[in-house]
Full PDB file with SEQRES, HELIX, SHEET, SSBOND, CRYST1, ORIGX, SCALE, CONECT and MASTER records, all heavy atoms in Angstrom:
SEQRES   1 A   40  ALA THR ILE ARG ALA GLU PHE PRO ASP ASP ARG PHE LEU          
SEQRES   2 A   40  CYS GLU GLU ASP LEU SER THR ARG ALA GLY PRO GLU ALA          
SEQRES   3 A   40  ASP ARG GLU PRO GLU ALA VAL ASP SER VAL PRO ASP SER          
SEQRES   4 A   40  GLY                                                          
SHEET    1 AA1 2 ARG A  11  PHE A  12  0                                        
SHEET    2 AA1 2 GLU A  31  ALA A  32  1                                        
CRYST1    1.000    1.000    1.000  90.00  90.00  90.00 P 1           1          
ORIGX1      1.000000  0.000000  0.000000        0.00000                         
ORIGX2      0.000000  1.000000  0.000000        0.00000                         
ORIGX3      0.000000  0.000000  1.000000        0.00000                         
SCALE1      1.000000  0.000000  0.000000        0.00000                         
SCALE2      0.000000  1.000000  0.000000        0.00000                         
SCALE3      0.000000  0.000000  1.000000        0.00000                         
ATOM      1  N   ALA A   1     142.217 159.331 124.637  1.00  0.00           N  
ATOM      2  CA  ALA A   1     141.392 158.373 125.368  1.00  0.00           C  
ATOM      3  C   ALA A   1     140.673 159.032 126.533  1.00  0.00           C  
ATOM      4  O   ALA A   1     139.495 158.740 126.807  1.00  0.00           O  
ATOM      5  CB  ALA A   1     142.261 157.217 125.865  1.00  0.00           C  
ATOM      6  N   THR A   2     141.344 159.949 127.217  1.00  0.00           N  
ATOM      7  CA  THR A   2     140.726 160.640 128.351  1.00  0.00           C  
ATOM      8  C   THR A   2     139.558 161.505 127.886  1.00  0.00           C  
ATOM      9  O   THR A   2     138.498 161.533 128.519  1.00  0.00           O  
ATOM     10  CB  THR A   2     141.775 161.502 129.069  1.00  0.00           C  
ATOM     11  OG1 THR A   2     142.860 160.670 129.492  1.00  0.00           O  
ATOM     12  CG2 THR A   2     141.172 162.206 130.274  1.00  0.00           C  
ATOM     13  N   ILE A   3     139.735 162.188 126.785  1.00  0.00           N  
ATOM     14  CA  ILE A   3     138.665 163.042 126.261  1.00  0.00           C  
ATOM     15  C   ILE A   3     137.492 162.202 125.756  1.00  0.00           C  
ATOM     16  O   ILE A   3     136.318 162.499 126.024  1.00  0.00           O  
ATOM     17  CB  ILE A   3     139.205 163.940 125.137  1.00  0.00           C  
ATOM     18  CG1 ILE A   3     140.203 164.943 125.714  1.00  0.00           C  
ATOM     19  CG2 ILE A   3     138.063 164.667 124.411  1.00  0.00           C  
ATOM     20  CD1 ILE A   3     141.005 165.691 124.668  1.00  0.00           C  
ATOM     21  N   ARG A   4     137.797 161.119 125.055  1.00  0.00           N  
ATOM     22  CA  ARG A   4     136.732 160.308 124.464  1.00  0.00           C  
ATOM     23  C   ARG A   4     135.872 159.616 125.511  1.00  0.00           C  
ATOM     24  O   ARG A   4     134.719 159.257 125.238  1.00  0.00           O  
ATOM     25  CB  ARG A   4     137.323 159.278 123.500  1.00  0.00           C  
ATOM     26  CG  ARG A   4     137.970 159.902 122.269  1.00  0.00           C  
ATOM     27  CD  ARG A   4     138.301 158.858 121.240  1.00  0.00           C  
ATOM     28  NE  ARG A   4     137.121 158.461 120.499  1.00  0.00           N  
ATOM     29  CZ  ARG A   4     137.007 157.322 119.841  1.00  0.00           C  
ATOM     30  NH1 ARG A   4     137.980 156.428 119.891  1.00  0.00           N  
ATOM     31  NH2 ARG A   4     135.919 157.044 119.158  1.00  0.00           N  
ATOM     32  N   ALA A   5     136.405 159.440 126.699  1.00  0.00           N  
ATOM     33  CA  ALA A   5     135.591 158.868 127.768  1.00  0.00           C  
ATOM     34  C   ALA A   5     134.411 159.763 128.112  1.00  0.00           C  
ATOM     35  O   ALA A   5     133.371 159.285 128.592  1.00  0.00           O  
ATOM     36  CB  ALA A   5     136.458 158.629 129.007  1.00  0.00           C  
ATOM     37  N   GLU A   6     134.548 161.070 127.861  1.00  0.00           N  
ATOM     38  CA  GLU A   6     133.483 162.040 128.142  1.00  0.00           C  
ATOM     39  C   GLU A   6     132.783 162.523 126.872  1.00  0.00           C  
ATOM     40  O   GLU A   6     131.589 162.827 126.890  1.00  0.00           O  
ATOM     41  CB  GLU A   6     134.065 163.240 128.882  1.00  0.00           C  
ATOM     42  CG  GLU A   6     134.656 162.935 130.241  1.00  0.00           C  
ATOM     43  CD  GLU A   6     133.582 162.685 131.291  1.00  0.00           C  
ATOM     44  OE1 GLU A   6     132.444 163.134 131.103  1.00  0.00           O  
ATOM     45  OE2 GLU A   6     133.907 162.029 132.298  1.00  0.00           O  
ATOM     46  N   PHE A   7     133.539 162.622 125.773  1.00  0.00           N  
ATOM     47  CA  PHE A   7     132.999 163.162 124.521  1.00  0.00           C  
ATOM     48  C   PHE A   7     133.349 162.214 123.376  1.00  0.00           C  
ATOM     49  O   PHE A   7     134.212 162.509 122.537  1.00  0.00           O  
ATOM     50  CB  PHE A   7     133.579 164.559 124.257  1.00  0.00           C  
ATOM     51  CG  PHE A   7     133.224 165.585 125.300  1.00  0.00           C  
ATOM     52  CD1 PHE A   7     134.114 165.893 126.320  1.00  0.00           C  
ATOM     53  CD2 PHE A   7     131.994 166.239 125.265  1.00  0.00           C  
ATOM     54  CE1 PHE A   7     133.787 166.834 127.287  1.00  0.00           C  
ATOM     55  CE2 PHE A   7     131.659 167.178 126.224  1.00  0.00           C  
ATOM     56  CZ  PHE A   7     132.555 167.473 127.239  1.00  0.00           C  
ATOM     57  N   PRO A   8     132.701 161.065 123.306  1.00  0.00           N  
ATOM     58  CA  PRO A   8     133.097 160.029 122.347  1.00  0.00           C  
ATOM     59  C   PRO A   8     132.886 160.390 120.887  1.00  0.00           C  
ATOM     60  O   PRO A   8     133.511 159.780 120.007  1.00  0.00           O  
ATOM     61  CB  PRO A   8     132.221 158.837 122.750  1.00  0.00           C  
ATOM     62  CG  PRO A   8     131.043 159.436 123.452  1.00  0.00           C  
ATOM     63  CD  PRO A   8     131.582 160.634 124.173  1.00  0.00           C  
ATOM     64  N   ASP A   9     132.035 161.358 120.590  1.00  0.00           N  
ATOM     65  CA  ASP A   9     131.713 161.677 119.196  1.00  0.00           C  
ATOM     66  C   ASP A   9     132.411 162.935 118.682  1.00  0.00           C  
ATOM     67  O   ASP A   9     132.192 163.330 117.536  1.00  0.00           O  
ATOM     68  CB  ASP A   9     130.198 161.835 119.038  1.00  0.00           C  
ATOM     69  CG  ASP A   9     129.453 160.549 119.376  1.00  0.00           C  
ATOM     70  OD1 ASP A   9     129.949 159.472 119.014  1.00  0.00           O  
ATOM     71  OD2 ASP A   9     128.392 160.644 120.022  1.00  0.00           O  
ATOM     72  N   ASP A  10     133.231 163.560 119.511  1.00  0.00           N  
ATOM     73  CA  ASP A  10     133.902 164.793 119.082  1.00  0.00           C  
ATOM     74  C   ASP A  10     135.049 164.489 118.123  1.00  0.00           C  
ATOM     75  O   ASP A  10     135.595 163.380 118.089  1.00  0.00           O  
ATOM     76  CB  ASP A  10     134.450 165.550 120.296  1.00  0.00           C  
ATOM     77  CG  ASP A  10     133.365 166.314 121.036  1.00  0.00           C  
ATOM     78  OD1 ASP A  10     132.185 166.182 120.663  1.00  0.00           O  
ATOM     79  OD2 ASP A  10     133.703 167.036 121.993  1.00  0.00           O  
ATOM     80  N   ARG A  11     135.417 165.514 117.354  1.00  0.00           N  
ATOM     81  CA  ARG A  11     136.522 165.391 116.404  1.00  0.00           C  
ATOM     82  C   ARG A  11     137.831 165.856 117.049  1.00  0.00           C  
ATOM     83  O   ARG A  11     137.822 166.554 118.061  1.00  0.00           O  
ATOM     84  CB  ARG A  11     136.222 166.233 115.160  1.00  0.00           C  
ATOM     85  CG  ARG A  11     135.055 165.700 114.336  1.00  0.00           C  
ATOM     86  CD  ARG A  11     134.581 166.687 113.306  1.00  0.00           C  
ATOM     87  NE  ARG A  11     133.868 167.796 113.938  1.00  0.00           N  
ATOM     88  CZ  ARG A  11     133.326 168.814 113.269  1.00  0.00           C  
ATOM     89  NH1 ARG A  11     133.442 168.869 111.952  1.00  0.00           N  
ATOM     90  NH2 ARG A  11     132.683 169.770 113.911  1.00  0.00           N  
ATOM     91  N   PHE A  12     138.950 165.486 116.381  1.00  0.00           N  
ATOM     92  CA  PHE A  12     140.277 165.787 116.903  1.00  0.00           C  
ATOM     93  C   PHE A  12     141.174 166.340 115.802  1.00  0.00           C  
ATOM     94  O   PHE A  12     141.145 165.859 114.663  1.00  0.00           O  
ATOM     95  CB  PHE A  12     140.927 164.535 117.490  1.00  0.00           C  
ATOM     96  CG  PHE A  12     140.280 164.047 118.753  1.00  0.00           C  
ATOM     97  CD1 PHE A  12     139.159 163.230 118.706  1.00  0.00           C  
ATOM     98  CD2 PHE A  12     140.777 164.431 119.988  1.00  0.00           C  
ATOM     99  CE1 PHE A  12     138.553 162.787 119.871  1.00  0.00           C  
ATOM    100  CE2 PHE A  12     140.173 163.997 121.159  1.00  0.00           C  
ATOM    101  CZ  PHE A  12     139.057 163.171 121.098  1.00  0.00           C  
ATOM    102  N   LEU A  13     141.976 167.317 116.199  1.00  0.00           N  
ATOM    103  CA  LEU A  13     143.046 167.845 115.352  1.00  0.00           C  
ATOM    104  C   LEU A  13     144.321 167.742 116.181  1.00  0.00           C  
ATOM    105  O   LEU A  13     144.487 168.462 117.166  1.00  0.00           O  
ATOM    106  CB  LEU A  13     142.758 169.295 114.959  1.00  0.00           C  
ATOM    107  CG  LEU A  13     143.839 170.026 114.154  1.00  0.00           C  
ATOM    108  CD1 LEU A  13     144.162 169.291 112.861  1.00  0.00           C  
ATOM    109  CD2 LEU A  13     143.380 171.457 113.844  1.00  0.00           C  
ATOM    110  N   CYS A  14     145.194 166.805 115.801  1.00  0.00           N  
ATOM    111  CA  CYS A  14     146.355 166.474 116.629  1.00  0.00           C  
ATOM    112  C   CYS A  14     147.637 166.602 115.821  1.00  0.00           C  
ATOM    113  O   CYS A  14     147.642 166.413 114.600  1.00  0.00           O  
ATOM    114  CB  CYS A  14     146.248 165.047 117.149  1.00  0.00           C  
ATOM    115  SG  CYS A  14     144.757 164.692 118.097  1.00  0.00           S  
ATOM    116  N   GLU A  15     148.736 166.862 116.527  1.00  0.00           N  
ATOM    117  CA  GLU A  15     150.019 166.956 115.825  1.00  0.00           C  
ATOM    118  C   GLU A  15     150.471 165.607 115.285  1.00  0.00           C  
ATOM    119  O   GLU A  15     150.988 165.522 114.168  1.00  0.00           O  
ATOM    120  CB  GLU A  15     151.101 167.517 116.733  1.00  0.00           C  
ATOM    121  CG  GLU A  15     152.444 167.610 115.997  1.00  0.00           C  
ATOM    122  CD  GLU A  15     153.498 168.390 116.719  1.00  0.00           C  
ATOM    123  OE1 GLU A  15     153.335 168.654 117.922  1.00  0.00           O  
ATOM    124  OE2 GLU A  15     154.492 168.738 116.069  1.00  0.00           O  
ATOM    125  N   GLU A  16     150.279 164.551 116.041  1.00  0.00           N  
ATOM    126  CA  GLU A  16     150.773 163.242 115.627  1.00  0.00           C  
ATOM    127  C   GLU A  16     149.636 162.396 115.067  1.00  0.00           C  
ATOM    128  O   GLU A  16     148.467 162.746 115.169  1.00  0.00           O  
ATOM    129  CB  GLU A  16     151.438 162.532 116.813  1.00  0.00           C  
ATOM    130  CG  GLU A  16     152.428 163.370 117.595  1.00  0.00           C  
ATOM    131  CD  GLU A  16     153.522 163.990 116.751  1.00  0.00           C  
ATOM    132  OE1 GLU A  16     153.782 163.513 115.622  1.00  0.00           O  
ATOM    133  OE2 GLU A  16     154.130 164.979 117.201  1.00  0.00           O  
ATOM    134  N   ASP A  17     150.003 161.266 114.467  1.00  0.00           N  
ATOM    135  CA  ASP A  17     149.025 160.332 113.928  1.00  0.00           C  
ATOM    136  C   ASP A  17     148.023 159.945 115.012  1.00  0.00           C  
ATOM    137  O   ASP A  17     148.390 159.724 116.168  1.00  0.00           O  
ATOM    138  CB  ASP A  17     149.749 159.092 113.399  1.00  0.00           C  
ATOM    139  CG  ASP A  17     148.792 158.053 112.889  1.00  0.00           C  
ATOM    140  OD1 ASP A  17     148.157 158.292 111.846  1.00  0.00           O  
ATOM    141  OD2 ASP A  17     148.664 157.005 113.557  1.00  0.00           O  
ATOM    142  N   LEU A  18     146.759 159.832 114.624  1.00  0.00           N  
ATOM    143  CA  LEU A  18     145.698 159.649 115.605  1.00  0.00           C  
ATOM    144  C   LEU A  18     145.362 158.183 115.876  1.00  0.00           C  
ATOM    145  O   LEU A  18     144.447 157.871 116.619  1.00  0.00           O  
ATOM    146  CB  LEU A  18     144.442 160.387 115.143  1.00  0.00           C  
ATOM    147  CG  LEU A  18     143.357 160.692 116.168  1.00  0.00           C  
ATOM    148  CD1 LEU A  18     143.922 161.392 117.383  1.00  0.00           C  
ATOM    149  CD2 LEU A  18     142.264 161.547 115.535  1.00  0.00           C  
ATOM    150  N   SER A  19     146.098 157.259 115.296  1.00  0.00           N  
ATOM    151  CA  SER A  19     145.816 155.842 115.494  1.00  0.00           C  
ATOM    152  C   SER A  19     145.820 155.487 116.978  1.00  0.00           C  
ATOM    153  O   SER A  19     146.683 155.921 117.738  1.00  0.00           O  
ATOM    154  CB  SER A  19     146.854 154.988 114.770  1.00  0.00           C  
ATOM    155  OG  SER A  19     146.725 153.633 115.134  1.00  0.00           O  
ATOM    156  N   THR A  20     144.885 154.663 117.388  1.00  0.00           N  
ATOM    157  CA  THR A  20     144.791 154.241 118.789  1.00  0.00           C  
ATOM    158  C   THR A  20     145.454 152.893 119.037  1.00  0.00           C  
ATOM    159  O   THR A  20     145.354 152.346 120.129  1.00  0.00           O  
ATOM    160  CB  THR A  20     143.313 154.148 119.216  1.00  0.00           C  
ATOM    161  OG1 THR A  20     142.636 153.256 118.337  1.00  0.00           O  
ATOM    162  CG2 THR A  20     142.668 155.505 119.188  1.00  0.00           C  
ATOM    163  N   ARG A  21     146.127 152.330 118.033  1.00  0.00           N  
ATOM    164  CA  ARG A  21     146.694 150.978 118.133  1.00  0.00           C  
ATOM    165  C   ARG A  21     145.578 149.961 118.399  1.00  0.00           C  
ATOM    166  O   ARG A  21     144.427 150.158 118.048  1.00  0.00           O  
ATOM    167  CB  ARG A  21     147.733 150.899 119.258  1.00  0.00           C  
ATOM    168  CG  ARG A  21     149.059 151.584 118.975  1.00  0.00           C  
ATOM    169  CD  ARG A  21     149.940 151.404 120.199  1.00  0.00           C  
ATOM    170  NE  ARG A  21     151.295 151.835 119.938  1.00  0.00           N  
ATOM    171  CZ  ARG A  21     152.228 151.904 120.881  1.00  0.00           C  
ATOM    172  NH1 ARG A  21     151.927 151.581 122.121  1.00  0.00           N  
ATOM    173  NH2 ARG A  21     153.451 152.278 120.600  1.00  0.00           N  
ATOM    174  N   ALA A  22     145.945 148.878 119.045  1.00  0.00           N  
ATOM    175  CA  ALA A  22     144.951 147.871 119.402  1.00  0.00           C  
ATOM    176  C   ALA A  22     144.278 148.252 120.707  1.00  0.00           C  
ATOM    177  O   ALA A  22     144.678 149.183 121.381  1.00  0.00           O  
ATOM    178  CB  ALA A  22     145.624 146.501 119.524  1.00  0.00           C  
ATOM    179  N   GLY A  23     143.253 147.492 121.075  1.00  0.00           N  
ATOM    180  CA  GLY A  23     142.582 147.769 122.325  1.00  0.00           C  
ATOM    181  C   GLY A  23     141.127 148.126 122.113  1.00  0.00           C  
ATOM    182  O   GLY A  23     140.590 148.043 121.004  1.00  0.00           O  
ATOM    183  N   PRO A  24     140.434 148.543 123.156  1.00  0.00           N  
ATOM    184  CA  PRO A  24     138.984 148.761 123.074  1.00  0.00           C  
ATOM    185  C   PRO A  24     138.590 149.868 122.118  1.00  0.00           C  
ATOM    186  O   PRO A  24     137.463 149.899 121.640  1.00  0.00           O  
ATOM    187  CB  PRO A  24     138.590 149.106 124.520  1.00  0.00           C  
ATOM    188  CG  PRO A  24     139.863 149.540 125.168  1.00  0.00           C  
ATOM    189  CD  PRO A  24     140.947 148.757 124.513  1.00  0.00           C  
ATOM    190  N   GLU A  25     139.513 150.815 121.829  1.00  0.00           N  
ATOM    191  CA  GLU A  25     139.171 151.914 120.930  1.00  0.00           C  
ATOM    192  C   GLU A  25     139.447 151.570 119.474  1.00  0.00           C  
ATOM    193  O   GLU A  25     139.069 152.314 118.575  1.00  0.00           O  
ATOM    194  CB  GLU A  25     139.989 153.164 121.304  1.00  0.00           C  
ATOM    195  CG  GLU A  25     139.670 153.728 122.676  1.00  0.00           C  
ATOM    196  CD  GLU A  25     138.317 154.389 122.706  1.00  0.00           C  
ATOM    197  OE1 GLU A  25     137.825 154.793 121.639  1.00  0.00           O  
ATOM    198  OE2 GLU A  25     137.739 154.493 123.788  1.00  0.00           O  
ATOM    199  N   ALA A  26     140.152 150.461 119.209  1.00  0.00           N  
ATOM    200  CA  ALA A  26     140.638 150.190 117.859  1.00  0.00           C  
ATOM    201  C   ALA A  26     139.509 149.962 116.857  1.00  0.00           C  
ATOM    202  O   ALA A  26     139.687 150.166 115.659  1.00  0.00           O  
ATOM    203  CB  ALA A  26     141.562 148.985 117.883  1.00  0.00           C  
ATOM    204  N   ASP A  27     138.351 149.487 117.320  1.00  0.00           N  
ATOM    205  CA  ASP A  27     137.253 149.234 116.395  1.00  0.00           C  
ATOM    206  C   ASP A  27     136.477 150.500 116.051  1.00  0.00           C  
ATOM    207  O   ASP A  27     135.581 150.464 115.212  1.00  0.00           O  
ATOM    208  CB  ASP A  27     136.313 148.173 116.976  1.00  0.00           C  
ATOM    209  CG  ASP A  27     135.699 148.597 118.305  1.00  0.00           C  
ATOM    210  OD1 ASP A  27     136.197 149.579 118.890  1.00  0.00           O  
ATOM    211  OD2 ASP A  27     134.730 147.945 118.742  1.00  0.00           O  
ATOM    212  N   ARG A  28     136.827 151.606 116.684  1.00  0.00           N  
ATOM    213  CA  ARG A  28     136.129 152.864 116.386  1.00  0.00           C  
ATOM    214  C   ARG A  28     137.113 154.012 116.571  1.00  0.00           C  
ATOM    215  O   ARG A  28     137.197 154.609 117.629  1.00  0.00           O  
ATOM    216  CB  ARG A  28     134.912 153.034 117.301  1.00  0.00           C  
ATOM    217  CG  ARG A  28     134.064 154.255 116.944  1.00  0.00           C  
ATOM    218  CD  ARG A  28     132.757 154.228 117.739  1.00  0.00           C  
ATOM    219  NE  ARG A  28     131.953 155.390 117.404  1.00  0.00           N  
ATOM    220  CZ  ARG A  28     132.015 156.538 118.058  1.00  0.00           C  
ATOM    221  NH1 ARG A  28     132.859 156.681 119.070  1.00  0.00           N  
ATOM    222  NH2 ARG A  28     131.248 157.553 117.710  1.00  0.00           N  
ATOM    223  N   GLU A  29     137.870 154.286 115.529  1.00  0.00           N  
ATOM    224  CA  GLU A  29     138.899 155.309 115.604  1.00  0.00           C  
ATOM    225  C   GLU A  29     138.263 156.693 115.790  1.00  0.00           C  
ATOM    226  O   GLU A  29     137.159 156.960 115.308  1.00  0.00           O  
ATOM    227  CB  GLU A  29     139.740 155.305 114.323  1.00  0.00           C  
ATOM    228  CG  GLU A  29     140.548 154.044 114.109  1.00  0.00           C  
ATOM    229  CD  GLU A  29     141.736 153.951 115.039  1.00  0.00           C  
ATOM    230  OE1 GLU A  29     142.056 154.959 115.689  1.00  0.00           O  
ATOM    231  OE2 GLU A  29     142.332 152.867 115.127  1.00  0.00           O  
ATOM    232  N   PRO A  30     138.957 157.599 116.480  1.00  0.00           N  
ATOM    233  CA  PRO A  30     138.461 158.977 116.585  1.00  0.00           C  
ATOM    234  C   PRO A  30     138.386 159.621 115.201  1.00  0.00           C  
ATOM    235  O   PRO A  30     139.135 159.255 114.287  1.00  0.00           O  
ATOM    236  CB  PRO A  30     139.535 159.667 117.446  1.00  0.00           C  
ATOM    237  CG  PRO A  30     140.313 158.571 118.076  1.00  0.00           C  
ATOM    238  CD  PRO A  30     140.238 157.399 117.162  1.00  0.00           C  
ATOM    239  N   GLU A  31     137.481 160.558 115.059  1.00  0.00           N  
ATOM    240  CA  GLU A  31     137.379 161.281 113.797  1.00  0.00           C  
ATOM    241  C   GLU A  31     138.429 162.385 113.761  1.00  0.00           C  
ATOM    242  O   GLU A  31     138.418 163.290 114.591  1.00  0.00           O  
ATOM    243  CB  GLU A  31     135.991 161.893 113.626  1.00  0.00           C  
ATOM    244  CG  GLU A  31     135.839 162.618 112.292  1.00  0.00           C  
ATOM    245  CD  GLU A  31     134.469 163.239 112.096  1.00  0.00           C  
ATOM    246  OE1 GLU A  31     133.579 162.985 112.926  1.00  0.00           O  
ATOM    247  OE2 GLU A  31     134.307 163.995 111.114  1.00  0.00           O  
ATOM    248  N   ALA A  32     139.339 162.291 112.793  1.00  0.00           N  
ATOM    249  CA  ALA A  32     140.414 163.268 112.658  1.00  0.00           C  
ATOM    250  C   ALA A  32     140.081 164.274 111.566  1.00  0.00           C  
ATOM    251  O   ALA A  32     139.491 163.926 110.534  1.00  0.00           O  
ATOM    252  CB  ALA A  32     141.724 162.569 112.335  1.00  0.00           C  
ATOM    253  N   VAL A  33     140.452 165.530 111.782  1.00  0.00           N  
ATOM    254  CA  VAL A  33     140.308 166.577 110.776  1.00  0.00           C  
ATOM    255  C   VAL A  33     141.667 167.236 110.599  1.00  0.00           C  
ATOM    256  O   VAL A  33     142.566 167.094 111.425  1.00  0.00           O  
ATOM    257  CB  VAL A  33     139.249 167.623 111.182  1.00  0.00           C  
ATOM    258  CG1 VAL A  33     137.884 166.979 111.316  1.00  0.00           C  
ATOM    259  CG2 VAL A  33     139.634 168.315 112.483  1.00  0.00           C  
ATOM    260  N   ASP A  34     141.837 167.960 109.488  1.00  0.00           N  
ATOM    261  CA  ASP A  34     143.122 168.605 109.227  1.00  0.00           C  
ATOM    262  C   ASP A  34     143.071 170.122 109.308  1.00  0.00           C  
ATOM    263  O   ASP A  34     144.032 170.807 108.978  1.00  0.00           O  
ATOM    264  CB  ASP A  34     143.692 168.165 107.876  1.00  0.00           C  
ATOM    265  CG  ASP A  34     142.751 168.455 106.716  1.00  0.00           C  
ATOM    266  OD1 ASP A  34     141.745 169.173 106.915  1.00  0.00           O  
ATOM    267  OD2 ASP A  34     143.022 167.955 105.609  1.00  0.00           O  
ATOM    268  N   SER A  35     141.925 170.654 109.739  1.00  0.00           N  
ATOM    269  CA  SER A  35     141.798 172.094 109.957  1.00  0.00           C  
ATOM    270  C   SER A  35     140.687 172.329 110.964  1.00  0.00           C  
ATOM    271  O   SER A  35     139.927 171.415 111.303  1.00  0.00           O  
ATOM    272  CB  SER A  35     141.494 172.821 108.639  1.00  0.00           C  
ATOM    273  OG  SER A  35     140.264 172.378 108.098  1.00  0.00           O  
ATOM    274  N   VAL A  36     140.584 173.567 111.437  1.00  0.00           N  
ATOM    275  CA  VAL A  36     139.569 173.907 112.436  1.00  0.00           C  
ATOM    276  C   VAL A  36     138.256 174.221 111.726  1.00  0.00           C  
ATOM    277  O   VAL A  36     138.178 175.183 110.953  1.00  0.00           O  
ATOM    278  CB  VAL A  36     140.016 175.113 113.276  1.00  0.00           C  
ATOM    279  CG1 VAL A  36     138.923 175.493 114.279  1.00  0.00           C  
ATOM    280  CG2 VAL A  36     141.323 174.820 113.999  1.00  0.00           C  
ATOM    281  N   PRO A  37     137.203 173.427 111.949  1.00  0.00           N  
ATOM    282  CA  PRO A  37     135.922 173.694 111.297  1.00  0.00           C  
ATOM    283  C   PRO A  37     135.198 174.883 111.942  1.00  0.00           C  
ATOM    284  O   PRO A  37     135.452 175.226 113.098  1.00  0.00           O  
ATOM    285  CB  PRO A  37     135.146 172.394 111.507  1.00  0.00           C  
ATOM    286  CG  PRO A  37     135.710 171.844 112.776  1.00  0.00           C  
ATOM    287  CD  PRO A  37     137.162 172.227 112.809  1.00  0.00           C  
ATOM    288  N   ASP A  38     134.294 175.478 111.193  1.00  0.00           N  
ATOM    289  CA  ASP A  38     133.538 176.628 111.688  1.00  0.00           C  
ATOM    290  C   ASP A  38     132.405 176.229 112.623  1.00  0.00           C  
ATOM    291  O   ASP A  38     131.872 177.082 113.343  1.00  0.00           O  
ATOM    292  CB  ASP A  38     132.963 177.428 110.520  1.00  0.00           C  
ATOM    293  CG  ASP A  38     134.041 178.107 109.698  1.00  0.00           C  
ATOM    294  OD1 ASP A  38     135.107 178.420 110.263  1.00  0.00           O  
ATOM    295  OD2 ASP A  38     133.826 178.301 108.485  1.00  0.00           O  
ATOM    296  N   SER A  39     132.027 174.963 112.605  1.00  0.00           N  
ATOM    297  CA  SER A  39     130.920 174.531 113.460  1.00  0.00           C  
ATOM    298  C   SER A  39     131.250 173.183 114.095  1.00  0.00           C  
ATOM    299  O   SER A  39     132.107 172.439 113.611  1.00  0.00           O  
ATOM    300  CB  SER A  39     129.619 174.429 112.647  1.00  0.00           C  
ATOM    301  OG  SER A  39     129.750 173.475 111.618  1.00  0.00           O  
ATOM    302  N   GLY A  40     130.566 172.903 115.189  1.00  0.00           N  
ATOM    303  CA  GLY A  40     130.754 171.640 115.873  1.00  0.00           C  
ATOM    304  C   GLY A  40     131.846 171.701 116.918  1.00  0.00           C  
ATOM    305  O   GLY A  40     132.438 172.749 117.186  1.00  0.00           O  
TER     306      GLY A  40                                                      
MASTER        0    0    0    0    2    0    0    6  305    1    0    4          
END                                                                             
């Protein structure tokens, strides 16, 4: 949530499930990836 306040369109690679539960972010989940992309 802290990162998305500044970079709302960036992707995330996280150890745990990326669900934001309910709340203001729930209608637009972060974009999750399963590996490090070469670009972006």
